[in-house]
Amino acid sequence: MLDEFGCTTFEICKICNCESGYEYSSDATAQELLGIRCAWLKQKPPQQKQFRGKQKEITYEEFLAVKIRQLIKMGLKVPEEFL
């Protein structure tokens, strides 16, 4: 995340948990950002997920689908290998 002056804000993304200024800087290339997204998309899901008050096992495919929807909703490019 960048502020109005183009400087990193050191905020942590609520979706991928990357910290601006740590995982990437204001001069990060599109390729570097794509690499961060790929690493995030490859992460395995937690062992169990709370779903409507019940514990539920979640598959990698379900977990990946949620992440892809988040990227699309934010208007970010989804790496080709995940489409």
Protein backbone atom coordinates (compact mmCIF):
# COMPACT_ATOMS: atom_id res chain seq x y z
CA MET A 1 0.00 0.00 0.00
CA LEU A 2 1.23 3.45 -0.87
CA ASP A 3 0.26 6.81 0.54
CA GLU A 4 -0.61 9.90 -1.50
CA PHE A 5 3.12 10.67 -1.92
CA GLY A 6 3.94 7.20 -3.31
CA CYS A 7 5.67 6.06 -0.12
CA THR A 8 5.08 2.72 1.59
CA THR A 9 2.70 2.82 4.54
CA PHE A 10 3.95 -0.29 6.37
CA GLU A 11 0.35 -1.47 6.57
CA ILE A 12 -0.41 -5.18 6.53
CA CYS A 13 -2.79 -6.37 3.83
CA LYS A 14 -5.90 -7.92 5.38
CA ILE A 15 -6.03 -10.49 2.60
CA CYS A 16 -2.48 -11.76 2.02
CA ASN A 17 -0.75 -10.48 5.20
CA CYS A 18 2.08 -8.84 3.23
CA GLU A 19 3.52 -5.72 4.82
CA SER A 20 4.09 -2.76 2.54
CA GLY A 21 7.70 -1.64 2.98
CA TYR A 22 8.79 -5.07 4.17
CA GLU A 23 7.68 -7.69 1.62
CA TYR A 24 7.65 -5.07 -1.12
CA SER A 25 8.54 -1.41 -1.53
CA SER A 26 7.14 1.51 -3.46
CA ASP A 27 9.45 0.73 -6.39
CA ALA A 28 8.43 -2.95 -6.64
CA THR A 29 7.98 -4.12 -10.19
CA ALA A 30 4.84 -5.78 -11.47
CA GLN A 31 6.85 -9.02 -11.70
CA GLU A 32 7.85 -8.80 -8.01
CA LEU A 33 4.24 -8.23 -6.96
CA LEU A 34 3.14 -11.14 -9.13
CA GLY A 35 5.73 -13.31 -7.36
CA ILE A 36 4.28 -12.34 -3.97
CA ARG A 37 0.77 -13.23 -5.19
CA CYS A 38 1.99 -16.61 -6.49
CA ALA A 39 3.60 -17.45 -3.14
CA TRP A 40 0.39 -16.45 -1.34
CA LEU A 41 -1.78 -18.52 -3.69
CA LYS A 42 0.44 -21.59 -3.14
CA GLN A 43 -0.01 -21.52 0.65
CA LYS A 44 -1.92 -24.45 2.04
CA PRO A 45 -5.17 -23.91 3.95
CA PRO A 46 -5.30 -24.09 7.74
CA GLN A 47 -6.12 -27.52 9.15
CA GLN A 48 -9.67 -26.52 10.04
CA LYS A 49 -11.78 -23.51 9.28
CA GLN A 50 -14.71 -22.13 11.21
CA PHE A 51 -17.72 -22.13 8.88
CA ARG A 52 -21.14 -21.06 10.12
CA GLY A 53 -20.26 -22.02 13.67
CA LYS A 54 -18.92 -25.47 12.75
CA GLN A 55 -15.40 -26.74 12.20
CA LYS A 56 -14.88 -27.74 8.58
CA GLU A 57 -11.94 -29.20 6.71
CA ILE A 58 -11.22 -27.04 3.69
CA THR A 59 -9.46 -28.36 0.60
CA TYR A 60 -6.67 -26.54 -1.19
CA GLU A 61 -8.97 -26.08 -4.21
CA GLU A 62 -11.66 -24.40 -2.08
CA PHE A 63 -9.04 -22.24 -0.36
CA LEU A 64 -7.52 -21.26 -3.71
CA ALA A 65 -10.93 -20.37 -5.17
CA VAL A 66 -11.59 -17.97 -2.27
CA LYS A 67 -8.21 -16.29 -2.77
CA ILE A 68 -8.74 -15.93 -6.51
CA ARG A 69 -12.15 -14.33 -5.91
CA GLN A 70 -10.49 -11.88 -3.50
CA LEU A 71 -7.91 -10.86 -6.10
CA ILE A 72 -10.57 -10.41 -8.78
CA LYS A 73 -12.76 -8.37 -6.42
CA MET A 74 -9.79 -6.08 -5.73
CA GLY A 75 -9.13 -5.69 -9.46
CA LEU A 76 -5.73 -7.41 -9.25
CA LYS A 77 -4.22 -9.73 -11.83
CA VAL A 78 -4.50 -13.44 -11.10
CA PRO A 79 -1.34 -15.28 -12.20
CA GLU A 80 -1.97 -17.43 -15.30
CA GLU A 81 -0.86 -20.65 -13.59
CA PHE A 82 -3.83 -20.39 -11.20
CA LEU A 83 -6.55 -19.87 -13.80
